[in-house]
Amino acid sequence: MVMKQEVRCSRRMAIFAVFDILDRLQAAYEQHILGDIKAQINFQGKISEFAFAVTENSEDQSILHISILYPAMDLSADEAWAALEYLRSIIVSHIEEVQNAEIGKSFL
């Protein structure tokens, strides 16, 4: 199961957003700047392993890829999809928050 989302930011910014969210979720992860980021995340009391990757479309546009590598044994397909959607949503929201904060600073 894989979910993709175009984001209006550099690849580097998207990768750091993934790390920020994983830290907020207190996820156990392997930190690699190049390649996939693999993380064990507790979603609704069930621990699954996810992979995150970011590919660059242009200097200011990237594609965020999120996949579930090893779902928890009792995680239903609907729950797995909900987990992917949740992770996509909070990462994209975090990117937007950071961008809005940077825009606000430029007006000061």
C-alpha atoms as a PDB file:
ATOM      1  CA  MET A   1       0.000   0.000   0.000  1.00  0.00           C
ATOM      2  CA  VAL A   2       1.531   3.298  -1.131  1.00  0.00           C
ATOM      3  CA  MET A   3       0.364   6.901  -0.961  1.00  0.00           C
ATOM      4  CA  LYS A   4       1.908   9.798  -2.882  1.00  0.00           C
ATOM      5  CA  GLN A   5       1.471  13.550  -2.471  1.00  0.00           C
ATOM      6  CA  GLU A   6       2.973  16.433  -4.414  1.00  0.00           C
ATOM      7  CA  VAL A   7       4.325  19.088  -2.076  1.00  0.00           C
ATOM      8  CA  ARG A   8       5.416  22.601  -2.945  1.00  0.00           C
ATOM      9  CA  CYS A   9       8.826  22.559  -1.332  1.00  0.00           C
ATOM     10  CA  SER A  10      12.341  21.326  -1.884  1.00  0.00           C
ATOM     11  CA  ARG A  11      13.192  17.677  -1.353  1.00  0.00           C
ATOM     12  CA  ARG A  12      15.362  18.641   1.606  1.00  0.00           C
ATOM     13  CA  MET A  13      12.543  20.528   3.329  1.00  0.00           C
ATOM     14  CA  ALA A  14      10.146  17.599   2.829  1.00  0.00           C
ATOM     15  CA  ILE A  15      12.667  15.150   4.295  1.00  0.00           C
ATOM     16  CA  PHE A  16      13.177  17.319   7.362  1.00  0.00           C
ATOM     17  CA  ALA A  17       9.384  17.570   7.741  1.00  0.00           C
ATOM     18  CA  VAL A  18       9.201  13.757   7.801  1.00  0.00           C
ATOM     19  CA  PHE A  19      11.873  13.646  10.531  1.00  0.00           C
ATOM     20  CA  ASP A  20      10.065  16.345  12.540  1.00  0.00           C
ATOM     21  CA  ILE A  21       6.791  14.406  12.437  1.00  0.00           C
ATOM     22  CA  LEU A  22       8.474  11.111  13.310  1.00  0.00           C
ATOM     23  CA  ASP A  23      10.043  12.819  16.319  1.00  0.00           C
ATOM     24  CA  ARG A  24       6.632  14.218  17.362  1.00  0.00           C
ATOM     25  CA  LEU A  25       5.134  10.726  17.099  1.00  0.00           C
ATOM     26  CA  GLN A  26       8.041   9.301  19.116  1.00  0.00           C
ATOM     27  CA  ALA A  27       8.607   6.794  16.312  1.00  0.00           C
ATOM     28  CA  ALA A  28      11.625   4.533  16.156  1.00  0.00           C
ATOM     29  CA  TYR A  29      13.300   5.221  12.815  1.00  0.00           C
ATOM     30  CA  GLU A  30      16.438   4.842  10.778  1.00  0.00           C
ATOM     31  CA  GLN A  31      17.649   8.264   9.720  1.00  0.00           C
ATOM     32  CA  HIS A  32      19.002   8.401   6.185  1.00  0.00           C
ATOM     33  CA  ILE A  33      19.222  11.650   4.244  1.00  0.00           C
ATOM     34  CA  LEU A  34      19.569   9.654   1.015  1.00  0.00           C
ATOM     35  CA  GLY A  35      17.058   6.889   0.336  1.00  0.00           C
ATOM     36  CA  ASP A  36      14.070   5.659   2.275  1.00  0.00           C
ATOM     37  CA  ILE A  37      13.345   6.494   5.881  1.00  0.00           C
ATOM     38  CA  LYS A  38      12.005   3.434   7.685  1.00  0.00           C
ATOM     39  CA  ALA A  39       9.989   3.928  10.862  1.00  0.00           C
ATOM     40  CA  GLN A  40       8.019   1.904  13.355  1.00  0.00           C
ATOM     41  CA  ILE A  41       4.928   3.904  14.238  1.00  0.00           C
ATOM     42  CA  ASN A  42       2.182   3.245  16.751  1.00  0.00           C
ATOM     43  CA  PHE A  43      -1.154   3.920  15.060  1.00  0.00           C
ATOM     44  CA  GLN A  44      -4.294   3.232  17.109  1.00  0.00           C
ATOM     45  CA  GLY A  45      -2.300   1.070  19.515  1.00  0.00           C
ATOM     46  CA  LYS A  46      -0.801  -1.070  16.743  1.00  0.00           C
ATOM     47  CA  ILE A  47       2.838  -0.821  15.657  1.00  0.00           C
ATOM     48  CA  SER A  48       3.522  -1.032  11.928  1.00  0.00           C
ATOM     49  CA  GLU A  49       6.606  -0.334   9.845  1.00  0.00           C
ATOM     50  CA  PHE A  50       6.406   2.442   7.276  1.00  0.00           C
ATOM     51  CA  ALA A  51       8.770   3.783   4.639  1.00  0.00           C
ATOM     52  CA  PHE A  52       9.023   7.409   3.551  1.00  0.00           C
ATOM     53  CA  ALA A  53      10.792   8.735   0.479  1.00  0.00           C
ATOM     54  CA  VAL A  54      10.867  12.083  -1.282  1.00  0.00           C
ATOM     55  CA  THR A  55      11.634  12.572  -4.962  1.00  0.00           C
ATOM     56  CA  GLU A  56      12.398  15.934  -6.471  1.00  0.00           C
ATOM     57  CA  ASN A  57      10.317  17.285  -9.368  1.00  0.00           C
ATOM     58  CA  SER A  58      11.962  20.693  -9.421  1.00  0.00           C
ATOM     59  CA  GLU A  59      13.792  23.026  -7.062  1.00  0.00           C
ATOM     60  CA  ASP A  60      10.563  23.878  -5.233  1.00  0.00           C
ATOM     61  CA  GLN A  61       8.345  20.848  -5.828  1.00  0.00           C
ATOM     62  CA  SER A  62       8.704  17.277  -4.601  1.00  0.00           C
ATOM     63  CA  ILE A  63       6.699  14.094  -4.250  1.00  0.00           C
ATOM     64  CA  LEU A  64       6.257  12.531  -0.826  1.00  0.00           C
ATOM     65  CA  HIS A  65       5.921   8.725  -0.907  1.00  0.00           C
ATOM     66  CA  ILE A  66       4.602   6.840   2.114  1.00  0.00           C
ATOM     67  CA  SER A  67       4.211   3.086   2.194  1.00  0.00           C
ATOM     68  CA  ILE A  68       3.362   0.548   4.830  1.00  0.00           C
ATOM     69  CA  LEU A  69       6.028  -2.151   4.755  1.00  0.00           C
ATOM     70  CA  TYR A  70       4.905  -4.402   7.596  1.00  0.00           C
ATOM     71  CA  PRO A  71       1.430  -3.721   8.934  1.00  0.00           C
ATOM     72  CA  ALA A  72       0.598  -4.876  12.428  1.00  0.00           C
ATOM     73  CA  MET A  73      -0.902  -8.359  12.312  1.00  0.00           C
ATOM     74  CA  ASP A  74      -4.357  -7.169  13.363  1.00  0.00           C
ATOM     75  CA  LEU A  75      -4.373  -3.967  11.275  1.00  0.00           C
ATOM     76  CA  SER A  76      -7.231  -4.036   8.762  1.00  0.00           C
ATOM     77  CA  ALA A  77      -6.855  -2.684   5.223  1.00  0.00           C
ATOM     78  CA  ASP A  78      -9.055   0.298   6.161  1.00  0.00           C
ATOM     79  CA  GLU A  79      -6.897   1.015   9.223  1.00  0.00           C
ATOM     80  CA  ALA A  80      -3.721   0.755   7.130  1.00  0.00           C
ATOM     81  CA  TRP A  81      -5.126   3.246   4.616  1.00  0.00           C
ATOM     82  CA  ALA A  82      -6.208   5.538   7.472  1.00  0.00           C
ATOM     83  CA  ALA A  83      -2.677   5.398   8.900  1.00  0.00           C
ATOM     84  CA  LEU A  84      -1.176   6.379   5.533  1.00  0.00           C
ATOM     85  CA  GLU A  85      -3.690   9.210   5.140  1.00  0.00           C
ATOM     86  CA  TYR A  86      -2.998  10.440   8.675  1.00  0.00           C
ATOM     87  CA  LEU A  87       0.771  10.487   8.120  1.00  0.00           C
ATOM     88  CA  ARG A  88       0.399  12.220   4.741  1.00  0.00           C
ATOM     89  CA  SER A  89      -1.889  14.821   6.224  1.00  0.00           C
ATOM     90  CA  ILE A  90       0.274  15.752   9.208  1.00  0.00           C
ATOM     91  CA  ILE A  91       3.460  15.914   7.126  1.00  0.00           C
ATOM     92  CA  VAL A  92       1.850  18.158   4.504  1.00  0.00           C
ATOM     93  CA  SER A  93       0.337  20.351   7.249  1.00  0.00           C
ATOM     94  CA  HIS A  94       3.743  20.653   8.907  1.00  0.00           C
ATOM     95  CA  ILE A  95       5.353  21.729   5.616  1.00  0.00           C
ATOM     96  CA  GLU A  96       2.652  24.382   5.169  1.00  0.00           C
ATOM     97  CA  GLU A  97       3.108  25.635   8.745  1.00  0.00           C
ATOM     98  CA  VAL A  98       6.868  26.000   8.242  1.00  0.00           C
ATOM     99  CA  GLN A  99       6.376  27.798   4.929  1.00  0.00           C
ATOM    100  CA  ASN A 100       3.808  30.171   6.443  1.00  0.00           C
ATOM    101  CA  ALA A 101       6.151  30.929   9.339  1.00  0.00           C
ATOM    102  CA  GLU A 102       8.939  31.748   6.878  1.00  0.00           C
ATOM    103  CA  ILE A 103       6.631  34.028   4.871  1.00  0.00           C
ATOM    104  CA  GLY A 104       5.602  35.787   8.102  1.00  0.00           C
ATOM    105  CA  LYS A 105       9.244  36.407   8.989  1.00  0.00           C
ATOM    106  CA  SER A 106       9.924  37.976   5.587  1.00  0.00           C
ATOM    107  CA  PHE A 107       7.277  40.645   6.289  1.00  0.00           C
ATOM    108  CA  LEU A 108       8.818  41.664   9.604  1.00  0.00           C
END
